[in-house]
Amino acid sequence: MTMRVYLGLSLDELTTLAGGGTVTPAEAFVAASVDEEDELAALETAGETGVVAAAAELDDPDGPVTLADVASLHVDLDGSGDLAWFATQEIAAVIELVTA
């Protein structure tokens, strides 16, 4: 059964995904319910564990992840804790943002 999980990704993991590779993040965060507030809490927690938070659809929350599994990328651009949304097609721009 596919589930939405939230992942904190390092720059190396993000670069690997952009290059077509597979990563296995240290931890996947699953929302307590499908309630929007619980989803946001899981996303924010993931954002605290990496330079980028990713929302992904996975069969196994502890399994490998490809860019095709990722629904969106989220970055704290100004240190406020608010996460900006990016489509996976914008992964090169996200990498530039987090390395600037």
PDB file of N, CA and C in Angstrom:
ATOM      1  N   MET A   1       0.840  -1.181   0.000  1.00  0.00           N
ATOM      2  CA  MET A   1       0.000   0.000   0.000  1.00  0.00           C
ATOM      3  C   MET A   1       0.888   1.250   0.000  1.00  0.00           C
ATOM      4  N   THR A   2       0.656   2.125  -0.937  1.00  0.00           N
ATOM      5  CA  THR A   2       1.439   3.351  -1.045  1.00  0.00           C
ATOM      6  C   THR A   2       0.981   4.350   0.007  1.00  0.00           C
ATOM      7  N   MET A   3       1.970   5.026   0.615  1.00  0.00           N
ATOM      8  CA  MET A   3       1.655   6.035   1.626  1.00  0.00           C
ATOM      9  C   MET A   3       2.507   7.271   1.399  1.00  0.00           C
ATOM     10  N   ARG A   4       1.995   8.401   1.839  1.00  0.00           N
ATOM     11  CA  ARG A   4       2.739   9.657   1.768  1.00  0.00           C
ATOM     12  C   ARG A   4       3.680   9.709   2.963  1.00  0.00           C
ATOM     13  N   VAL A   5       4.961   9.922   2.682  1.00  0.00           N
ATOM     14  CA  VAL A   5       5.958  10.083   3.731  1.00  0.00           C
ATOM     15  C   VAL A   5       6.730  11.365   3.467  1.00  0.00           C
ATOM     16  N   TYR A   6       7.360  11.862   4.496  1.00  0.00           N
ATOM     17  CA  TYR A   6       8.132  13.097   4.415  1.00  0.00           C
ATOM     18  C   TYR A   6       9.559  12.776   4.810  1.00  0.00           C
ATOM     19  N   LEU A   7      10.495  13.244   3.992  1.00  0.00           N
ATOM     20  CA  LEU A   7      11.894  12.899   4.149  1.00  0.00           C
ATOM     21  C   LEU A   7      12.737  14.161   4.260  1.00  0.00           C
ATOM     22  N   GLY A   8      13.676  14.158   5.177  1.00  0.00           N
ATOM     23  CA  GLY A   8      14.677  15.212   5.224  1.00  0.00           C
ATOM     24  C   GLY A   8      15.856  14.739   4.401  1.00  0.00           C
ATOM     25  N   LEU A   9      16.212  15.484   3.358  1.00  0.00           N
ATOM     26  CA  LEU A   9      17.281  15.067   2.460  1.00  0.00           C
ATOM     27  C   LEU A   9      18.505  15.960   2.613  1.00  0.00           C
ATOM     28  N   SER A  10      19.679  15.337   2.570  1.00  0.00           N
ATOM     29  CA  SER A  10      20.932  16.081   2.563  1.00  0.00           C
ATOM     30  C   SER A  10      21.205  16.572   1.142  1.00  0.00           C
ATOM     31  N   LEU A  11      22.166  17.444   0.995  1.00  0.00           N
ATOM     32  CA  LEU A  11      22.550  17.915  -0.329  1.00  0.00           C
ATOM     33  C   LEU A  11      23.042  16.753  -1.187  1.00  0.00           C
ATOM     34  N   ASP A  12      23.817  15.841  -0.599  1.00  0.00           N
ATOM     35  CA  ASP A  12      24.301  14.671  -1.346  1.00  0.00           C
ATOM     36  C   ASP A  12      23.138  13.813  -1.842  1.00  0.00           C
ATOM     37  N   GLU A  13      22.136  13.590  -0.986  1.00  0.00           N
ATOM     38  CA  GLU A  13      20.968  12.798  -1.394  1.00  0.00           C
ATOM     39  C   GLU A  13      20.184  13.502  -2.502  1.00  0.00           C
ATOM     40  N   LEU A  14      20.044  14.799  -2.375  1.00  0.00           N
ATOM     41  CA  LEU A  14      19.336  15.580  -3.381  1.00  0.00           C
ATOM     42  C   LEU A  14      20.064  15.497  -4.728  1.00  0.00           C
ATOM     43  N   THR A  15      21.379  15.614  -4.694  1.00  0.00           N
ATOM     44  CA  THR A  15      22.187  15.527  -5.911  1.00  0.00           C
ATOM     45  C   THR A  15      22.088  14.141  -6.533  1.00  0.00           C
ATOM     46  N   THR A  16      22.071  13.116  -5.702  1.00  0.00           N
ATOM     47  CA  THR A  16      21.924  11.747  -6.202  1.00  0.00           C
ATOM     48  C   THR A  16      20.587  11.571  -6.904  1.00  0.00           C
ATOM     49  N   LEU A  17      19.523  12.071  -6.311  1.00  0.00           N
ATOM     50  CA  LEU A  17      18.204  11.987  -6.938  1.00  0.00           C
ATOM     51  C   LEU A  17      18.188  12.732  -8.270  1.00  0.00           C
ATOM     52  N   ALA A  18      18.793  13.918  -8.294  1.00  0.00           N
ATOM     53  CA  ALA A  18      18.818  14.716  -9.524  1.00  0.00           C
ATOM     54  C   ALA A  18      19.557  13.985 -10.642  1.00  0.00           C
ATOM     55  N   GLY A  19      20.537  13.178 -10.269  1.00  0.00           N
ATOM     56  CA  GLY A  19      21.307  12.425 -11.250  1.00  0.00           C
ATOM     57  C   GLY A  19      20.674  11.106 -11.646  1.00  0.00           C
ATOM     58  N   GLY A  20      19.470  10.842 -11.155  1.00  0.00           N
ATOM     59  CA  GLY A  20      18.774   9.612 -11.508  1.00  0.00           C
ATOM     60  C   GLY A  20      19.041   8.449 -10.574  1.00  0.00           C
ATOM     61  N   GLY A  21      19.726   8.716  -9.463  1.00  0.00           N
ATOM     62  CA  GLY A  21      20.055   7.658  -8.520  1.00  0.00           C
ATOM     63  C   GLY A  21      18.968   7.397  -7.496  1.00  0.00           C
ATOM     64  N   THR A  22      19.279   6.493  -6.606  1.00  0.00           N
ATOM     65  CA  THR A  22      18.374   6.077  -5.535  1.00  0.00           C
ATOM     66  C   THR A  22      19.019   6.390  -4.191  1.00  0.00           C
ATOM     67  N   VAL A  23      18.230   6.858  -3.253  1.00  0.00           N
ATOM     68  CA  VAL A  23      18.720   7.123  -1.897  1.00  0.00           C
ATOM     69  C   VAL A  23      17.828   6.397  -0.889  1.00  0.00           C
ATOM     70  N   THR A  24      18.378   6.154   0.270  1.00  0.00           N
ATOM     71  CA  THR A  24      17.607   5.607   1.384  1.00  0.00           C
ATOM     72  C   THR A  24      17.829   6.536   2.577  1.00  0.00           C
ATOM     73  N   PRO A  25      16.941   7.530   2.738  1.00  0.00           N
ATOM     74  CA  PRO A  25      17.099   8.490   3.836  1.00  0.00           C
ATOM     75  C   PRO A  25      17.080   7.796   5.195  1.00  0.00           C
ATOM     76  N   ALA A  26      17.721   8.451   6.160  1.00  0.00           N
ATOM     77  CA  ALA A  26      17.836   7.879   7.494  1.00  0.00           C
ATOM     78  C   ALA A  26      16.488   7.649   8.155  1.00  0.00           C
ATOM     79  N   GLU A  27      15.543   8.553   7.911  1.00  0.00           N
ATOM     80  CA  GLU A  27      14.245   8.448   8.584  1.00  0.00           C
ATOM     81  C   GLU A  27      13.139   9.002   7.705  1.00  0.00           C
ATOM     82  N   ALA A  28      12.012   8.338   7.722  1.00  0.00           N
ATOM     83  CA  ALA A  28      10.819   8.809   7.024  1.00  0.00           C
ATOM     84  C   ALA A  28       9.789   9.197   8.071  1.00  0.00           C
ATOM     85  N   PHE A  29       9.163  10.330   7.882  1.00  0.00           N
ATOM     86  CA  PHE A  29       8.154  10.815   8.814  1.00  0.00           C
ATOM     87  C   PHE A  29       6.783  10.629   8.189  1.00  0.00           C
ATOM     88  N   VAL A  30       5.882  10.017   8.936  1.00  0.00           N
ATOM     89  CA  VAL A  30       4.531   9.742   8.469  1.00  0.00           C
ATOM     90  C   VAL A  30       3.575  10.564   9.333  1.00  0.00           C
ATOM     91  N   ALA A  31       2.636  11.235   8.706  1.00  0.00           N
ATOM     92  CA  ALA A  31       1.667  12.040   9.447  1.00  0.00           C
ATOM     93  C   ALA A  31       0.807  11.153  10.334  1.00  0.00           C
ATOM     94  N   ALA A  32       0.396  11.686  11.474  1.00  0.00           N
ATOM     95  CA  ALA A  32      -0.438  10.942  12.417  1.00  0.00           C
ATOM     96  C   ALA A  32      -1.814  10.626  11.838  1.00  0.00           C
ATOM     97  N   SER A  33      -2.265  11.456  10.877  1.00  0.00           N
ATOM     98  CA  SER A  33      -3.544  11.240  10.211  1.00  0.00           C
ATOM     99  C   SER A  33      -3.487  11.938   8.852  1.00  0.00           C
ATOM    100  N   VAL A  34      -4.566  11.886   8.102  1.00  0.00           N
ATOM    101  CA  VAL A  34      -4.614  12.590   6.823  1.00  0.00           C
ATOM    102  C   VAL A  34      -5.039  14.050   6.991  1.00  0.00           C
ATOM    103  N   ASP A  35      -5.209  14.477   8.226  1.00  0.00           N
ATOM    104  CA  ASP A  35      -5.540  15.863   8.521  1.00  0.00           C
ATOM    105  C   ASP A  35      -4.404  16.767   8.046  1.00  0.00           C
ATOM    106  N   GLU A  36      -4.760  17.890   7.451  1.00  0.00           N
ATOM    107  CA  GLU A  36      -3.777  18.820   6.898  1.00  0.00           C
ATOM    108  C   GLU A  36      -2.755  19.279   7.932  1.00  0.00           C
ATOM    109  N   GLU A  37      -3.180  19.498   9.170  1.00  0.00           N
ATOM    110  CA  GLU A  37      -2.259  19.936  10.219  1.00  0.00           C
ATOM    111  C   GLU A  37      -1.246  18.843  10.559  1.00  0.00           C
ATOM    112  N   ASP A  38      -1.672  17.584  10.573  1.00  0.00           N
ATOM    113  CA  ASP A  38      -0.753  16.484  10.840  1.00  0.00           C
ATOM    114  C   ASP A  38       0.236  16.314   9.688  1.00  0.00           C
ATOM    115  N   GLU A  39      -0.254  16.494   8.453  1.00  0.00           N
ATOM    116  CA  GLU A  39       0.630  16.418   7.287  1.00  0.00           C
ATOM    117  C   GLU A  39       1.690  17.515   7.370  1.00  0.00           C
ATOM    118  N   LEU A  40       1.285  18.727   7.709  1.00  0.00           N
ATOM    119  CA  LEU A  40       2.219  19.839   7.825  1.00  0.00           C
ATOM    120  C   LEU A  40       3.231  19.581   8.940  1.00  0.00           C
ATOM    121  N   ALA A  41       2.797  19.049  10.050  1.00  0.00           N
ATOM    122  CA  ALA A  41       3.715  18.754  11.155  1.00  0.00           C
ATOM    123  C   ALA A  41       4.785  17.747  10.729  1.00  0.00           C
ATOM    124  N   ALA A  42       4.390  16.719   9.991  1.00  0.00           N
ATOM    125  CA  ALA A  42       5.359  15.728   9.510  1.00  0.00           C
ATOM    126  C   ALA A  42       6.326  16.357   8.516  1.00  0.00           C
ATOM    127  N   LEU A  43       5.819  17.208   7.635  1.00  0.00           N
ATOM    128  CA  LEU A  43       6.667  17.900   6.664  1.00  0.00           C
ATOM    129  C   LEU A  43       7.668  18.807   7.373  1.00  0.00           C
ATOM    130  N   GLU A  44       7.206  19.559   8.354  1.00  0.00           N
ATOM    131  CA  GLU A  44       8.092  20.466   9.087  1.00  0.00           C
ATOM    132  C   GLU A  44       9.158  19.693   9.857  1.00  0.00           C
ATOM    133  N   THR A  45       8.793  18.561  10.431  1.00  0.00           N
ATOM    134  CA  THR A  45       9.767  17.732  11.135  1.00  0.00           C
ATOM    135  C   THR A  45      10.833  17.231  10.166  1.00  0.00           C
ATOM    136  N   ALA A  46      10.413  16.783   8.995  1.00  0.00           N
ATOM    137  CA  ALA A  46      11.368  16.339   7.977  1.00  0.00           C
ATOM    138  C   ALA A  46      12.285  17.491   7.574  1.00  0.00           C
ATOM    139  N   GLY A  47      11.714  18.684   7.469  1.00  0.00           N
ATOM    140  CA  GLY A  47      12.503  19.852   7.099  1.00  0.00           C
ATOM    141  C   GLY A  47      13.586  20.189   8.104  1.00  0.00           C
ATOM    142  N   GLU A  48      13.389  19.805   9.348  1.00  0.00           N
ATOM    143  CA  GLU A  48      14.382  20.051  10.392  1.00  0.00           C
ATOM    144  C   GLU A  48      15.538  19.061  10.338  1.00  0.00           C
ATOM    145  N   THR A  49      15.386  17.994   9.568  1.00  0.00           N
ATOM    146  CA  THR A  49      16.407  16.940   9.538  1.00  0.00           C
ATOM    147  C   THR A  49      17.258  16.945   8.273  1.00  0.00           C
ATOM    148  N   GLY A  50      16.992  17.859   7.361  1.00  0.00           N
ATOM    149  CA  GLY A  50      17.773  17.925   6.131  1.00  0.00           C
ATOM    150  C   GLY A  50      17.737  19.319   5.541  1.00  0.00           C
ATOM    151  N   VAL A  51      18.510  19.535   4.472  1.00  0.00           N
ATOM    152  CA  VAL A  51      18.505  20.846   3.826  1.00  0.00           C
ATOM    153  C   VAL A  51      17.249  21.030   2.987  1.00  0.00           C
ATOM    154  N   VAL A  52      16.618  19.913   2.640  1.00  0.00           N
ATOM    155  CA  VAL A  52      15.390  19.912   1.850  1.00  0.00           C
ATOM    156  C   VAL A  52      14.458  18.872   2.440  1.00  0.00           C
ATOM    157  N   ALA A  53      13.171  19.185   2.483  1.00  0.00           N
ATOM    158  CA  ALA A  53      12.167  18.187   2.846  1.00  0.00           C
ATOM    159  C   ALA A  53      11.502  17.732   1.556  1.00  0.00           C
ATOM    160  N   ALA A  54      11.253  16.448   1.460  1.00  0.00           N
ATOM    161  CA  ALA A  54      10.581  15.901   0.284  1.00  0.00           C
ATOM    162  C   ALA A  54       9.340  15.156   0.719  1.00  0.00           C
ATOM    163  N   ALA A  55       8.269  15.343  -0.034  1.00  0.00           N
ATOM    164  CA  ALA A  55       7.059  14.540   0.145  1.00  0.00           C
ATOM    165  C   ALA A  55       7.137  13.443  -0.908  1.00  0.00           C
ATOM    166  N   ALA A  56       6.996  12.201  -0.475  1.00  0.00           N
ATOM    167  CA  ALA A  56       7.131  11.083  -1.407  1.00  0.00           C
ATOM    168  C   ALA A  56       6.021  10.067  -1.191  1.00  0.00           C
ATOM    169  N   GLU A  57       5.724   9.345  -2.239  1.00  0.00           N
ATOM    170  CA  GLU A  57       4.742   8.258  -2.200  1.00  0.00           C
ATOM    171  C   GLU A  57       5.513   6.944  -2.261  1.00  0.00           C
ATOM    172  N   LEU A  58       5.500   6.200  -1.148  1.00  0.00           N
ATOM    173  CA  LEU A  58       6.295   4.975  -1.063  1.00  0.00           C
ATOM    174  C   LEU A  58       5.461   3.802  -0.574  1.00  0.00           C
ATOM    175  N   ASP A  59       5.826   2.608  -1.023  1.00  0.00           N
ATOM    176  CA  ASP A  59       5.224   1.385  -0.490  1.00  0.00           C
ATOM    177  C   ASP A  59       5.842   1.035   0.850  1.00  0.00           C
ATOM    178  N   ASP A  60       7.145   1.300   0.982  1.00  0.00           N
ATOM    179  CA  ASP A  60       7.894   1.001   2.203  1.00  0.00           C
ATOM    180  C   ASP A  60       8.544   2.295   2.676  1.00  0.00           C
ATOM    181  N   PRO A  61       8.103   2.853   3.801  1.00  0.00           N
ATOM    182  CA  PRO A  61       8.660   4.127   4.245  1.00  0.00           C
ATOM    183  C   PRO A  61      10.147   4.066   4.574  1.00  0.00           C
ATOM    184  N   ASP A  62      10.681   2.871   4.756  1.00  0.00           N
ATOM    185  CA  ASP A  62      12.102   2.712   5.056  1.00  0.00           C
ATOM    186  C   ASP A  62      12.894   2.272   3.831  1.00  0.00           C
ATOM    187  N   GLY A  63      12.232   2.198   2.695  1.00  0.00           N
ATOM    188  CA  GLY A  63      12.878   1.692   1.492  1.00  0.00           C
ATOM    189  C   GLY A  63      13.552   2.767   0.667  1.00  0.00           C
ATOM    190  N   PRO A  64      14.107   2.372  -0.455  1.00  0.00           N
ATOM    191  CA  PRO A  64      14.800   3.310  -1.340  1.00  0.00           C
ATOM    192  C   PRO A  64      13.830   4.281  -2.014  1.00  0.00           C
ATOM    193  N   VAL A  65      14.374   5.436  -2.377  1.00  0.00           N
ATOM    194  CA  VAL A  65      13.583   6.506  -2.982  1.00  0.00           C
ATOM    195  C   VAL A  65      14.267   6.960  -4.272  1.00  0.00           C
ATOM    196  N   THR A  66      13.470   7.136  -5.322  1.00  0.00           N
ATOM    197  CA  THR A  66      13.944   7.749  -6.557  1.00  0.00           C
ATOM    198  C   THR A  66      13.204   9.060  -6.745  1.00  0.00           C
ATOM    199  N   LEU A  67      13.655   9.870  -7.673  1.00  0.00           N
ATOM    200  CA  LEU A  67      12.975  11.134  -7.930  1.00  0.00           C
ATOM    201  C   LEU A  67      11.545  10.898  -8.397  1.00  0.00           C
ATOM    202  N   ALA A  68      11.305   9.788  -9.072  1.00  0.00           N
ATOM    203  CA  ALA A  68       9.943   9.470  -9.531  1.00  0.00           C
ATOM    204  C   ALA A  68       8.985   9.252  -8.359  1.00  0.00           C
ATOM    205  N   ASP A  69       9.508   8.877  -7.191  1.00  0.00           N
ATOM    206  CA  ASP A  69       8.682   8.673  -5.996  1.00  0.00           C
ATOM    207  C   ASP A  69       8.320   9.989  -5.312  1.00  0.00           C
ATOM    208  N   VAL A  70       9.082  11.032  -5.597  1.00  0.00           N
ATOM    209  CA  VAL A  70       8.929  12.311  -4.905  1.00  0.00           C
ATOM    210  C   VAL A  70       7.817  13.122  -5.558  1.00  0.00           C
ATOM    211  N   ALA A  71       6.916  13.633  -4.722  1.00  0.00           N
ATOM    212  CA  ALA A  71       5.806  14.462  -5.206  1.00  0.00           C
ATOM    213  C   ALA A  71       6.181  15.937  -5.224  1.00  0.00           C
ATOM    214  N   SER A  72       6.983  16.363  -4.234  1.00  0.00           N
ATOM    215  CA  SER A  72       7.368  17.770  -4.143  1.00  0.00           C
ATOM    216  C   SER A  72       8.573  17.925  -3.235  1.00  0.00           C
ATOM    217  N   LEU A  73       9.237  19.062  -3.398  1.00  0.00           N
ATOM    218  CA  LEU A  73      10.397  19.423  -2.581  1.00  0.00           C
ATOM    219  C   LEU A  73      10.062  20.700  -1.830  1.00  0.00           C
ATOM    220  N   HIS A  74      10.593  20.836  -0.618  1.00  0.00           N
ATOM    221  CA  HIS A  74      10.257  21.979   0.232  1.00  0.00           C
ATOM    222  C   HIS A  74      11.527  22.511   0.884  1.00  0.00           C
ATOM    223  N   VAL A  75      11.722  23.840   0.806  1.00  0.00           N
ATOM    224  CA  VAL A  75      12.951  24.466   1.291  1.00  0.00           C
ATOM    225  C   VAL A  75      12.609  25.665   2.157  1.00  0.00           C
ATOM    226  N   ASP A  76      13.320  25.786   3.273  1.00  0.00           N
ATOM    227  CA  ASP A  76      13.212  26.973   4.125  1.00  0.00           C
ATOM    228  C   ASP A  76      14.180  28.008   3.540  1.00  0.00           C
ATOM    229  N   LEU A  77      13.665  28.938   2.776  1.00  0.00           N
ATOM    230  CA  LEU A  77      14.516  29.885   2.050  1.00  0.00           C
ATOM    231  C   LEU A  77      15.090  30.997   2.908  1.00  0.00           C
ATOM    232  N   ASP A  78      14.411  31.339   4.002  1.00  0.00           N
ATOM    233  CA  ASP A  78      14.840  32.513   4.766  1.00  0.00           C
ATOM    234  C   ASP A  78      15.072  32.239   6.255  1.00  0.00           C
ATOM    235  N   GLY A  79      15.107  30.971   6.636  1.00  0.00           N
ATOM    236  CA  GLY A  79      15.351  30.636   8.036  1.00  0.00           C
ATOM    237  C   GLY A  79      14.151  30.832   8.939  1.00  0.00           C
ATOM    238  N   SER A  80      12.983  31.112   8.364  1.00  0.00           N
ATOM    239  CA  SER A  80      11.782  31.364   9.159  1.00  0.00           C
ATOM    240  C   SER A  80      11.067  30.084   9.591  1.00  0.00           C
ATOM    241  N   GLY A  81      11.423  28.967   8.958  1.00  0.00           N
ATOM    242  CA  GLY A  81      10.701  27.723   9.221  1.00  0.00           C
ATOM    243  C   GLY A  81       9.580  27.477   8.225  1.00  0.00           C
ATOM    244  N   ASP A  82       9.217  28.514   7.470  1.00  0.00           N
ATOM    245  CA  ASP A  82       8.203  28.359   6.426  1.00  0.00           C
ATOM    246  C   ASP A  82       8.854  27.685   5.224  1.00  0.00           C
ATOM    247  N   LEU A  83       8.238  26.629   4.737  1.00  0.00           N
ATOM    248  CA  LEU A  83       8.819  25.857   3.648  1.00  0.00           C
ATOM    249  C   LEU A  83       8.199  26.240   2.316  1.00  0.00           C
ATOM    250  N   ALA A  84       9.041  26.656   1.376  1.00  0.00           N
ATOM    251  CA  ALA A  84       8.596  26.971   0.021  1.00  0.00           C
ATOM    252  C   ALA A  84       8.471  25.672  -0.769  1.00  0.00           C
ATOM    253  N   TRP A  85       7.441  25.598  -1.615  1.00  0.00           N
ATOM    254  CA  TRP A  85       7.135  24.396  -2.399  1.00  0.00           C
ATOM    255  C   TRP A  85       7.820  24.476  -3.758  1.00  0.00           C
ATOM    256  N   PHE A  86       8.407  23.351  -4.194  1.00  0.00           N
ATOM    257  CA  PHE A  86       9.003  23.242  -5.518  1.00  0.00           C
ATOM    258  C   PHE A  86       8.582  21.926  -6.145  1.00  0.00           C
ATOM    259  N   ALA A  87       8.320  21.959  -7.441  1.00  0.00           N
ATOM    260  CA  ALA A  87       8.044  20.730  -8.188  1.00  0.00           C
ATOM    261  C   ALA A  87       9.356  19.970  -8.394  1.00  0.00           C
ATOM    262  N   THR A  88       9.259  18.686  -8.603  1.00  0.00           N
ATOM    263  CA  THR A  88      10.472  17.889  -8.799  1.00  0.00           C
ATOM    264  C   THR A  88      11.233  18.322 -10.048  1.00  0.00           C
ATOM    265  N   GLN A  89      10.543  18.888 -11.024  1.00  0.00           N
ATOM    266  CA  GLN A  89      11.210  19.376 -12.232  1.00  0.00           C
ATOM    267  C   GLN A  89      12.137  20.558 -11.925  1.00  0.00           C
ATOM    268  N   GLU A  90      11.988  21.147 -10.754  1.00  0.00           N
ATOM    269  CA  GLU A  90      12.814  22.292 -10.343  1.00  0.00           C
ATOM    270  C   GLU A  90      13.986  21.869  -9.466  1.00  0.00           C
ATOM    271  N   ILE A  91      14.349  20.588  -9.479  1.00  0.00           N
ATOM    272  CA  ILE A  91      15.372  20.086  -8.569  1.00  0.00           C
ATOM    273  C   ILE A  91      16.717  20.783  -8.765  1.00  0.00           C
ATOM    274  N   ALA A  92      17.081  21.123  -9.999  1.00  0.00           N
ATOM    275  CA  ALA A  92      18.354  21.837 -10.230  1.00  0.00           C
ATOM    276  C   ALA A  92      18.329  23.203  -9.552  1.00  0.00           C
ATOM    277  N   ALA A  93      17.213  23.904  -9.632  1.00  0.00           N
ATOM    278  CA  ALA A  93      17.084  25.205  -8.974  1.00  0.00           C
ATOM    279  C   ALA A  93      17.133  25.051  -7.455  1.00  0.00           C
ATOM    280  N   VAL A  94      16.527  23.986  -6.932  1.00  0.00           N
ATOM    281  CA  VAL A  94      16.567  23.733  -5.483  1.00  0.00           C
ATOM    282  C   VAL A  94      18.004  23.495  -5.040  1.00  0.00           C
ATOM    283  N   ILE A  95      18.751  22.712  -5.796  1.00  0.00           N
ATOM    284  CA  ILE A  95      20.159  22.457  -5.457  1.00  0.00           C
ATOM    285  C   ILE A  95      20.931  23.783  -5.436  1.00  0.00           C
ATOM    286  N   GLU A  96      20.692  24.635  -6.422  1.00  0.00           N
ATOM    287  CA  GLU A  96      21.362  25.941  -6.447  1.00  0.00           C
ATOM    288  C   GLU A  96      20.993  26.768  -5.219  1.00  0.00           C
ATOM    289  N   LEU A  97      19.724  26.750  -4.827  1.00  0.00           N
ATOM    290  CA  LEU A  97      19.282  27.509  -3.665  1.00  0.00           C
ATOM    291  C   LEU A  97      19.961  27.060  -2.382  1.00  0.00           C
ATOM    292  N   VAL A  98      20.083  25.762  -2.189  1.00  0.00           N
ATOM    293  CA  VAL A  98      20.636  25.275  -0.917  1.00  0.00           C
ATOM    294  C   VAL A  98      22.157  25.300  -0.896  1.00  0.00           C
ATOM    295  N   THR A  99      22.777  25.508  -2.038  1.00  0.00           N
ATOM    296  CA  THR A  99      24.251  25.615  -2.061  1.00  0.00           C
ATOM    297  C   THR A  99      24.713  27.066  -2.109  1.00  0.00           C
ATOM    298  N   ALA A 100      23.788  28.011  -2.298  1.00  0.00           N
ATOM    299  CA  ALA A 100      24.155  29.431  -2.403  1.00  0.00           C
ATOM    300  C   ALA A 100      24.525  30.009  -1.049  1.00  0.00           C
TER     301      ALA A 100
END
